[in-house]
């Protein structure tokens, strides 16, 4: 089984959301059906990036790193958005 750290982008205002899951397809459906309170006003969201990990612990560690470490987030976003 694989675990994922992912980045979504709102098609409405281009804001991003970082999360982790073991099922990207289902998680994206959940986000776009409004089940995530923090972003339900920004749907629809689209998947713009993901990383695969062998353990849930590693995926969550990466998610937390991106959320708490502005340098790590900036580095990743510079690759995603080609800045």
PDB file of N, CA and C in Angstrom:
ATOM      1  N   UNK A   1       0.845  -1.181   0.000  1.00  0.00           N
ATOM      2  CA  UNK A   1       0.000   0.000   0.000  1.00  0.00           C
ATOM      3  C   UNK A   1       0.892   1.246   0.000  1.00  0.00           C
ATOM      4  N   UNK A   2       0.435   2.259  -0.706  1.00  0.00           N
ATOM      5  CA  UNK A   2       1.138   3.539  -0.773  1.00  0.00           C
ATOM      6  C   UNK A   2       0.349   4.601  -0.024  1.00  0.00           C
ATOM      7  N   UNK A   3       1.075   5.573   0.489  1.00  0.00           N
ATOM      8  CA  UNK A   3       0.494   6.721   1.180  1.00  0.00           C
ATOM      9  C   UNK A   3       0.994   7.973   0.473  1.00  0.00           C
ATOM     10  N   UNK A   4       0.171   8.995   0.457  1.00  0.00           N
ATOM     11  CA  UNK A   4       0.481  10.165  -0.355  1.00  0.00           C
ATOM     12  C   UNK A   4       0.412  11.461   0.436  1.00  0.00           C
ATOM     13  N   UNK A   5       1.323  12.346   0.118  1.00  0.00           N
ATOM     14  CA  UNK A   5       1.248  13.739   0.518  1.00  0.00           C
ATOM     15  C   UNK A   5       0.873  14.470  -0.775  1.00  0.00           C
ATOM     16  N   UNK A   6      -0.123  15.342  -0.711  1.00  0.00           N
ATOM     17  CA  UNK A   6      -0.624  15.942  -1.943  1.00  0.00           C
ATOM     18  C   UNK A   6      -0.875  17.436  -1.781  1.00  0.00           C
ATOM     19  N   UNK A   7      -0.953  18.114  -2.913  1.00  0.00           N
ATOM     20  CA  UNK A   7      -1.286  19.529  -2.953  1.00  0.00           C
ATOM     21  C   UNK A   7      -2.466  19.700  -3.904  1.00  0.00           C
ATOM     22  N   UNK A   8      -3.487  20.376  -3.411  1.00  0.00           N
ATOM     23  CA  UNK A   8      -4.648  20.713  -4.223  1.00  0.00           C
ATOM     24  C   UNK A   8      -4.645  22.211  -4.477  1.00  0.00           C
ATOM     25  N   UNK A   9      -5.282  22.593  -5.579  1.00  0.00           N
ATOM     26  CA  UNK A   9      -5.426  24.013  -5.892  1.00  0.00           C
ATOM     27  C   UNK A   9      -6.889  24.295  -6.190  1.00  0.00           C
ATOM     28  N   UNK A  10      -7.386  25.380  -5.627  1.00  0.00           N
ATOM     29  CA  UNK A  10      -8.753  25.806  -5.903  1.00  0.00           C
ATOM     30  C   UNK A  10      -8.829  26.373  -7.311  1.00  0.00           C
ATOM     31  N   UNK A  11      -9.814  25.936  -8.068  1.00  0.00           N
ATOM     32  CA  UNK A  11      -9.999  26.489  -9.405  1.00  0.00           C
ATOM     33  C   UNK A  11     -10.686  27.856  -9.328  1.00  0.00           C
ATOM     34  N   UNK A  12     -11.164  28.220  -8.145  1.00  0.00           N
ATOM     35  CA  UNK A  12     -11.837  29.501  -7.960  1.00  0.00           C
ATOM     36  C   UNK A  12     -10.834  30.628  -7.714  1.00  0.00           C
ATOM     37  N   UNK A  13      -9.942  30.430  -6.730  1.00  0.00           N
ATOM     38  CA  UNK A  13      -9.040  31.522  -6.359  1.00  0.00           C
ATOM     39  C   UNK A  13      -7.560  31.138  -6.337  1.00  0.00           C
ATOM     40  N   UNK A  14      -7.243  29.934  -6.804  1.00  0.00           N
ATOM     41  CA  UNK A  14      -5.856  29.457  -6.924  1.00  0.00           C
ATOM     42  C   UNK A  14      -5.146  29.253  -5.582  1.00  0.00           C
ATOM     43  N   UNK A  15      -5.892  29.255  -4.462  1.00  0.00           N
ATOM     44  CA  UNK A  15      -5.271  28.929  -3.183  1.00  0.00           C
ATOM     45  C   UNK A  15      -4.988  27.437  -3.137  1.00  0.00           C
ATOM     46  N   UNK A  16      -4.059  27.047  -2.271  1.00  0.00           N
ATOM     47  CA  UNK A  16      -3.642  25.649  -2.203  1.00  0.00           C
ATOM     48  C   UNK A  16      -4.003  25.026  -0.857  1.00  0.00           C
ATOM     49  N   UNK A  17      -4.062  23.703  -0.864  1.00  0.00           N
ATOM     50  CA  UNK A  17      -4.322  22.906   0.326  1.00  0.00           C
ATOM     51  C   UNK A  17      -3.362  21.730   0.302  1.00  0.00           C
ATOM     52  N   UNK A  18      -2.719  21.458   1.427  1.00  0.00           N
ATOM     53  CA  UNK A  18      -1.782  20.338   1.552  1.00  0.00           C
ATOM     54  C   UNK A  18      -2.392  19.307   2.483  1.00  0.00           C
ATOM     55  N   UNK A  19      -2.319  18.032   2.089  1.00  0.00           N
ATOM     56  CA  UNK A  19      -2.864  16.967   2.914  1.00  0.00           C
ATOM     57  C   UNK A  19      -2.144  15.659   2.676  1.00  0.00           C
ATOM     58  N   UNK A  20      -2.607  14.614   3.353  1.00  0.00           N
ATOM     59  CA  UNK A  20      -2.066  13.267   3.153  1.00  0.00           C
ATOM     60  C   UNK A  20      -3.208  12.262   3.215  1.00  0.00           C
ATOM     61  N   UNK A  21      -3.014  11.134   2.535  1.00  0.00           N
ATOM     62  CA  UNK A  21      -4.065  10.118   2.444  1.00  0.00           C
ATOM     63  C   UNK A  21      -3.487   8.814   1.927  1.00  0.00           C
ATOM     64  N   UNK A  22      -4.264   7.750   2.018  1.00  0.00           N
ATOM     65  CA  UNK A  22      -3.878   6.485   1.396  1.00  0.00           C
ATOM     66  C   UNK A  22      -4.693   6.227   0.130  1.00  0.00           C
ATOM     67  N   UNK A  23      -5.619   7.147  -0.195  1.00  0.00           N
ATOM     68  CA  UNK A  23      -6.444   6.978  -1.388  1.00  0.00           C
ATOM     69  C   UNK A  23      -6.726   8.353  -2.009  1.00  0.00           C
ATOM     70  N   UNK A  24      -5.906   8.730  -2.956  1.00  0.00           N
ATOM     71  CA  UNK A  24      -6.019  10.066  -3.560  1.00  0.00           C
ATOM     72  C   UNK A  24      -7.361  10.300  -4.246  1.00  0.00           C
ATOM     73  N   UNK A  25      -7.816   9.322  -4.991  1.00  0.00           N
ATOM     74  CA  UNK A  25      -9.062   9.474  -5.743  1.00  0.00           C
ATOM     75  C   UNK A  25     -10.237   9.755  -4.806  1.00  0.00           C
ATOM     76  N   UNK A  26     -10.355   8.947  -3.755  1.00  0.00           N
ATOM     77  CA  UNK A  26     -11.452   9.139  -2.809  1.00  0.00           C
ATOM     78  C   UNK A  26     -11.311  10.444  -2.037  1.00  0.00           C
ATOM     79  N   UNK A  27     -10.077  10.782  -1.660  1.00  0.00           N
ATOM     80  CA  UNK A  27      -9.860  12.004  -0.889  1.00  0.00           C
ATOM     81  C   UNK A  27     -10.221  13.240  -1.722  1.00  0.00           C
ATOM     82  N   UNK A  28      -9.871  13.243  -2.991  1.00  0.00           N
ATOM     83  CA  UNK A  28     -10.233  14.364  -3.846  1.00  0.00           C
ATOM     84  C   UNK A  28     -11.755  14.483  -3.976  1.00  0.00           C
ATOM     85  N   UNK A  29     -12.429  13.337  -4.092  1.00  0.00           N
ATOM     86  CA  UNK A  29     -13.899  13.347  -4.135  1.00  0.00           C
ATOM     87  C   UNK A  29     -14.475  13.935  -2.849  1.00  0.00           C
ATOM     88  N   UNK A  30     -13.893  13.549  -1.697  1.00  0.00           N
ATOM     89  CA  UNK A  30     -14.356  14.085  -0.411  1.00  0.00           C
ATOM     90  C   UNK A  30     -14.182  15.601  -0.357  1.00  0.00           C
ATOM     91  N   UNK A  31     -13.004  16.069  -0.758  1.00  0.00           N
ATOM     92  CA  UNK A  31     -12.769  17.518  -0.757  1.00  0.00           C
ATOM     93  C   UNK A  31     -13.784  18.220  -1.646  1.00  0.00           C
ATOM     94  N   UNK A  32     -13.996  17.713  -2.835  1.00  0.00           N
ATOM     95  CA  UNK A  32     -14.885  18.381  -3.783  1.00  0.00           C
ATOM     96  C   UNK A  32     -16.367  18.220  -3.473  1.00  0.00           C
ATOM     97  N   UNK A  33     -16.689  17.348  -2.532  1.00  0.00           N
ATOM     98  CA  UNK A  33     -18.087  17.241  -2.103  1.00  0.00           C
ATOM     99  C   UNK A  33     -18.352  18.098  -0.866  1.00  0.00           C
ATOM    100  N   UNK A  34     -17.336  18.851  -0.426  1.00  0.00           N
ATOM    101  CA  UNK A  34     -17.510  19.779   0.695  1.00  0.00           C
ATOM    102  C   UNK A  34     -17.309  19.181   2.069  1.00  0.00           C
ATOM    103  N   UNK A  35     -16.704  18.006   2.165  1.00  0.00           N
ATOM    104  CA  UNK A  35     -16.527  17.345   3.460  1.00  0.00           C
ATOM    105  C   UNK A  35     -15.367  17.906   4.286  1.00  0.00           C
ATOM    106  N   UNK A  36     -14.539  18.771   3.680  1.00  0.00           N
ATOM    107  CA  UNK A  36     -13.447  19.400   4.410  1.00  0.00           C
ATOM    108  C   UNK A  36     -13.849  20.855   4.661  1.00  0.00           C
ATOM    109  N   UNK A  37     -14.212  21.153   5.923  1.00  0.00           N
ATOM    110  CA  UNK A  37     -14.775  22.458   6.251  1.00  0.00           C
ATOM    111  C   UNK A  37     -13.869  23.619   5.859  1.00  0.00           C
ATOM    112  N   UNK A  38     -12.561  23.447   6.043  1.00  0.00           N
ATOM    113  CA  UNK A  38     -11.643  24.566   5.811  1.00  0.00           C
ATOM    114  C   UNK A  38     -11.549  24.994   4.351  1.00  0.00           C
ATOM    115  N   UNK A  39     -11.939  24.127   3.432  1.00  0.00           N
ATOM    116  CA  UNK A  39     -11.826  24.494   2.016  1.00  0.00           C
ATOM    117  C   UNK A  39     -13.128  24.329   1.228  1.00  0.00           C
ATOM    118  N   UNK A  40     -14.212  23.996   1.902  1.00  0.00           N
ATOM    119  CA  UNK A  40     -15.436  23.726   1.138  1.00  0.00           C
ATOM    120  C   UNK A  40     -15.940  24.947   0.374  1.00  0.00           C
ATOM    121  N   UNK A  41     -15.587  26.137   0.819  1.00  0.00           N
ATOM    122  CA  UNK A  41     -15.986  27.350   0.101  1.00  0.00           C
ATOM    123  C   UNK A  41     -15.069  27.645  -1.095  1.00  0.00           C
ATOM    124  N   UNK A  42     -14.039  26.821  -1.286  1.00  0.00           N
ATOM    125  CA  UNK A  42     -13.082  27.014  -2.379  1.00  0.00           C
ATOM    126  C   UNK A  42     -13.201  25.947  -3.471  1.00  0.00           C
ATOM    127  N   UNK A  43     -14.158  25.044  -3.349  1.00  0.00           N
ATOM    128  CA  UNK A  43     -14.278  23.973  -4.338  1.00  0.00           C
ATOM    129  C   UNK A  43     -14.865  24.510  -5.634  1.00  0.00           C
ATOM    130  N   UNK A  44     -14.509  23.914  -6.740  1.00  0.00           N
ATOM    131  CA  UNK A  44     -13.768  22.654  -6.879  1.00  0.00           C
ATOM    132  C   UNK A  44     -12.256  22.836  -6.744  1.00  0.00           C
ATOM    133  N   UNK A  45     -11.629  21.754  -6.267  1.00  0.00           N
ATOM    134  CA  UNK A  45     -10.189  21.685  -6.111  1.00  0.00           C
ATOM    135  C   UNK A  45      -9.661  20.700  -7.155  1.00  0.00           C
ATOM    136  N   UNK A  46      -8.407  20.931  -7.565  1.00  0.00           N
ATOM    137  CA  UNK A  46      -7.782  19.984  -8.489  1.00  0.00           C
ATOM    138  C   UNK A  46      -6.434  19.566  -7.925  1.00  0.00           C
ATOM    139  N   UNK A  47      -6.078  18.325  -8.155  1.00  0.00           N
ATOM    140  CA  UNK A  47      -4.792  17.803  -7.713  1.00  0.00           C
ATOM    141  C   UNK A  47      -3.694  18.379  -8.600  1.00  0.00           C
ATOM    142  N   UNK A  48      -2.695  19.032  -7.984  1.00  0.00           N
ATOM    143  CA  UNK A  48      -1.607  19.595  -8.781  1.00  0.00           C
ATOM    144  C   UNK A  48      -0.268  18.934  -8.479  1.00  0.00           C
ATOM    145  N   UNK A  49      -0.193  18.156  -7.369  1.00  0.00           N
ATOM    146  CA  UNK A  49       1.078  17.519  -7.027  1.00  0.00           C
ATOM    147  C   UNK A  49       0.841  16.432  -5.990  1.00  0.00           C
ATOM    148  N   UNK A  50       1.633  15.363  -6.072  1.00  0.00           N
ATOM    149  CA  UNK A  50       1.605  14.353  -5.013  1.00  0.00           C
ATOM    150  C   UNK A  50       2.953  13.650  -4.932  1.00  0.00           C
ATOM    151  N   UNK A  51       3.241  13.134  -3.747  1.00  0.00           N
ATOM    152  CA  UNK A  51       4.424  12.330  -3.490  1.00  0.00           C
ATOM    153  C   UNK A  51       3.954  11.040  -2.839  1.00  0.00           C
ATOM    154  N   UNK A  52       4.551   9.920  -3.219  1.00  0.00           N
ATOM    155  CA  UNK A  52       4.164   8.611  -2.677  1.00  0.00           C
ATOM    156  C   UNK A  52       5.183   8.154  -1.643  1.00  0.00           C
ATOM    157  N   UNK A  53       4.667   7.555  -0.566  1.00  0.00           N
ATOM    158  CA  UNK A  53       5.501   7.050   0.523  1.00  0.00           C
ATOM    159  C   UNK A  53       5.071   5.638   0.891  1.00  0.00           C
ATOM    160  N   UNK A  54       6.003   4.879   1.410  1.00  0.00           N
ATOM    161  CA  UNK A  54       5.719   3.496   1.822  1.00  0.00           C
ATOM    162  C   UNK A  54       4.961   3.401   3.142  1.00  0.00           C
ATOM    163  N   UNK A  55       5.052   4.450   3.973  1.00  0.00           N
ATOM    164  CA  UNK A  55       4.356   4.415   5.265  1.00  0.00           C
ATOM    165  C   UNK A  55       3.529   5.678   5.450  1.00  0.00           C
ATOM    166  N   UNK A  56       2.468   5.543   6.204  1.00  0.00           N
ATOM    167  CA  UNK A  56       1.624   6.680   6.533  1.00  0.00           C
ATOM    168  C   UNK A  56       2.407   7.697   7.352  1.00  0.00           C
ATOM    169  N   UNK A  57       3.270   7.223   8.211  1.00  0.00           N
ATOM    170  CA  UNK A  57       4.082   8.100   9.050  1.00  0.00           C
ATOM    171  C   UNK A  57       4.917   9.061   8.206  1.00  0.00           C
ATOM    172  N   UNK A  58       5.530   8.545   7.152  1.00  0.00           N
ATOM    173  CA  UNK A  58       6.352   9.395   6.282  1.00  0.00           C
ATOM    174  C   UNK A  58       5.513  10.412   5.517  1.00  0.00           C
ATOM    175  N   UNK A  59       4.338  10.007   5.050  1.00  0.00           N
ATOM    176  CA  UNK A  59       3.455  10.932   4.328  1.00  0.00           C
ATOM    177  C   UNK A  59       2.990  12.054   5.250  1.00  0.00           C
ATOM    178  N   UNK A  60       2.621  11.711   6.469  1.00  0.00           N
ATOM    179  CA  UNK A  60       2.176  12.719   7.436  1.00  0.00           C
ATOM    180  C   UNK A  60       3.335  13.628   7.833  1.00  0.00           C
ATOM    181  N   UNK A  61       4.507  13.057   7.985  1.00  0.00           N
ATOM    182  CA  UNK A  61       5.695  13.857   8.314  1.00  0.00           C
ATOM    183  C   UNK A  61       5.960  14.894   7.233  1.00  0.00           C
ATOM    184  N   UNK A  62       5.853  14.499   5.976  1.00  0.00           N
ATOM    185  CA  UNK A  62       6.059  15.426   4.857  1.00  0.00           C
ATOM    186  C   UNK A  62       4.966  16.494   4.837  1.00  0.00           C
ATOM    187  N   UNK A  63       3.714  16.087   5.040  1.00  0.00           N
ATOM    188  CA  UNK A  63       2.609  17.049   5.084  1.00  0.00           C
ATOM    189  C   UNK A  63       2.864  18.105   6.158  1.00  0.00           C
ATOM    190  N   UNK A  64       3.214  17.668   7.353  1.00  0.00           N
ATOM    191  CA  UNK A  64       3.471  18.600   8.454  1.00  0.00           C
ATOM    192  C   UNK A  64       4.663  19.503   8.166  1.00  0.00           C
ATOM    193  N   UNK A  65       5.674  18.927   7.530  1.00  0.00           N
ATOM    194  CA  UNK A  65       6.847  19.720   7.169  1.00  0.00           C
ATOM    195  C   UNK A  65       6.463  20.847   6.216  1.00  0.00           C
ATOM    196  N   UNK A  66       5.661  20.538   5.227  1.00  0.00           N
ATOM    197  CA  UNK A  66       5.248  21.559   4.262  1.00  0.00           C
ATOM    198  C   UNK A  66       4.347  22.612   4.897  1.00  0.00           C
ATOM    199  N   UNK A  67       3.534  22.200   5.852  1.00  0.00           N
ATOM    200  CA  UNK A  67       2.634  23.147   6.497  1.00  0.00           C
ATOM    201  C   UNK A  67       3.362  24.043   7.493  1.00  0.00           C
ATOM    202  N   UNK A  68       4.409  23.531   8.140  1.00  0.00           N
ATOM    203  CA  UNK A  68       5.099  24.278   9.195  1.00  0.00           C
ATOM    204  C   UNK A  68       6.398  24.930   8.746  1.00  0.00           C
ATOM    205  N   UNK A  69       6.987  24.456   7.680  1.00  0.00           N
ATOM    206  CA  UNK A  69       8.296  24.935   7.247  1.00  0.00           C
ATOM    207  C   UNK A  69       8.129  25.737   5.956  1.00  0.00           C
ATOM    208  N   UNK A  70       8.168  27.040   6.091  1.00  0.00           N
ATOM    209  CA  UNK A  70       7.922  27.881   4.919  1.00  0.00           C
ATOM    210  C   UNK A  70       8.987  27.703   3.842  1.00  0.00           C
ATOM    211  N   UNK A  71      10.225  27.390   4.222  1.00  0.00           N
ATOM    212  CA  UNK A  71      11.279  27.179   3.219  1.00  0.00           C
ATOM    213  C   UNK A  71      11.000  25.926   2.396  1.00  0.00           C
ATOM    214  N   UNK A  72      10.554  24.850   3.054  1.00  0.00           N
ATOM    215  CA  UNK A  72      10.234  23.606   2.343  1.00  0.00           C
ATOM    216  C   UNK A  72       9.050  23.827   1.402  1.00  0.00           C
ATOM    217  N   UNK A  73       8.048  24.537   1.877  1.00  0.00           N
ATOM    218  CA  UNK A  73       6.872  24.827   1.049  1.00  0.00           C
ATOM    219  C   UNK A  73       7.264  25.708  -0.133  1.00  0.00           C
ATOM    220  N   UNK A  74       8.074  26.715   0.121  1.00  0.00           N
ATOM    221  CA  UNK A  74       8.511  27.611  -0.955  1.00  0.00           C
ATOM    222  C   UNK A  74       9.299  26.841  -2.017  1.00  0.00           C
ATOM    223  N   UNK A  75      10.183  25.942  -1.580  1.00  0.00           N
ATOM    224  CA  UNK A  75      10.979  25.147  -2.515  1.00  0.00           C
ATOM    225  C   UNK A  75      10.084  24.262  -3.361  1.00  0.00           C
ATOM    226  N   UNK A  76       9.127  23.588  -2.739  1.00  0.00           N
ATOM    227  CA  UNK A  76       8.209  22.728  -3.484  1.00  0.00           C
ATOM    228  C   UNK A  76       7.366  23.543  -4.457  1.00  0.00           C
ATOM    229  N   UNK A  77       6.805  24.629  -3.989  1.00  0.00           N
ATOM    230  CA  UNK A  77       5.950  25.445  -4.848  1.00  0.00           C
ATOM    231  C   UNK A  77       6.728  26.061  -6.001  1.00  0.00           C
ATOM    232  N   UNK A  78       8.006  26.345  -5.802  1.00  0.00           N
ATOM    233  CA  UNK A  78       8.792  26.874  -6.909  1.00  0.00           C
ATOM    234  C   UNK A  78       8.947  25.814  -8.006  1.00  0.00           C
ATOM    235  N   UNK A  79       8.987  24.532  -7.616  1.00  0.00           N
ATOM    236  CA  UNK A  79       9.038  23.460  -8.613  1.00  0.00           C
ATOM    237  C   UNK A  79       7.677  23.256  -9.273  1.00  0.00           C
ATOM    238  N   UNK A  80       6.619  23.287  -8.479  1.00  0.00           N
ATOM    239  CA  UNK A  80       5.278  23.073  -9.019  1.00  0.00           C
ATOM    240  C   UNK A  80       4.888  24.189  -9.975  1.00  0.00           C
ATOM    241  N   UNK A  81       5.096  25.405  -9.560  1.00  0.00           N
ATOM    242  CA  UNK A  81       4.634  26.564 -10.322  1.00  0.00           C
ATOM    243  C   UNK A  81       5.710  27.159 -11.202  1.00  0.00           C
ATOM    244  N   UNK A  82       6.883  26.527 -11.234  1.00  0.00           N
ATOM    245  CA  UNK A  82       7.982  26.933 -12.120  1.00  0.00           C
ATOM    246  C   UNK A  82       8.330  28.404 -11.932  1.00  0.00           C
ATOM    247  N   UNK A  83       8.458  28.797 -10.664  1.00  0.00           N
ATOM    248  CA  UNK A  83       8.754  30.209 -10.360  1.00  0.00           C
ATOM    249  C   UNK A  83      10.239  30.447 -10.308  1.00  0.00           C
TER     250      UNK A  83
END
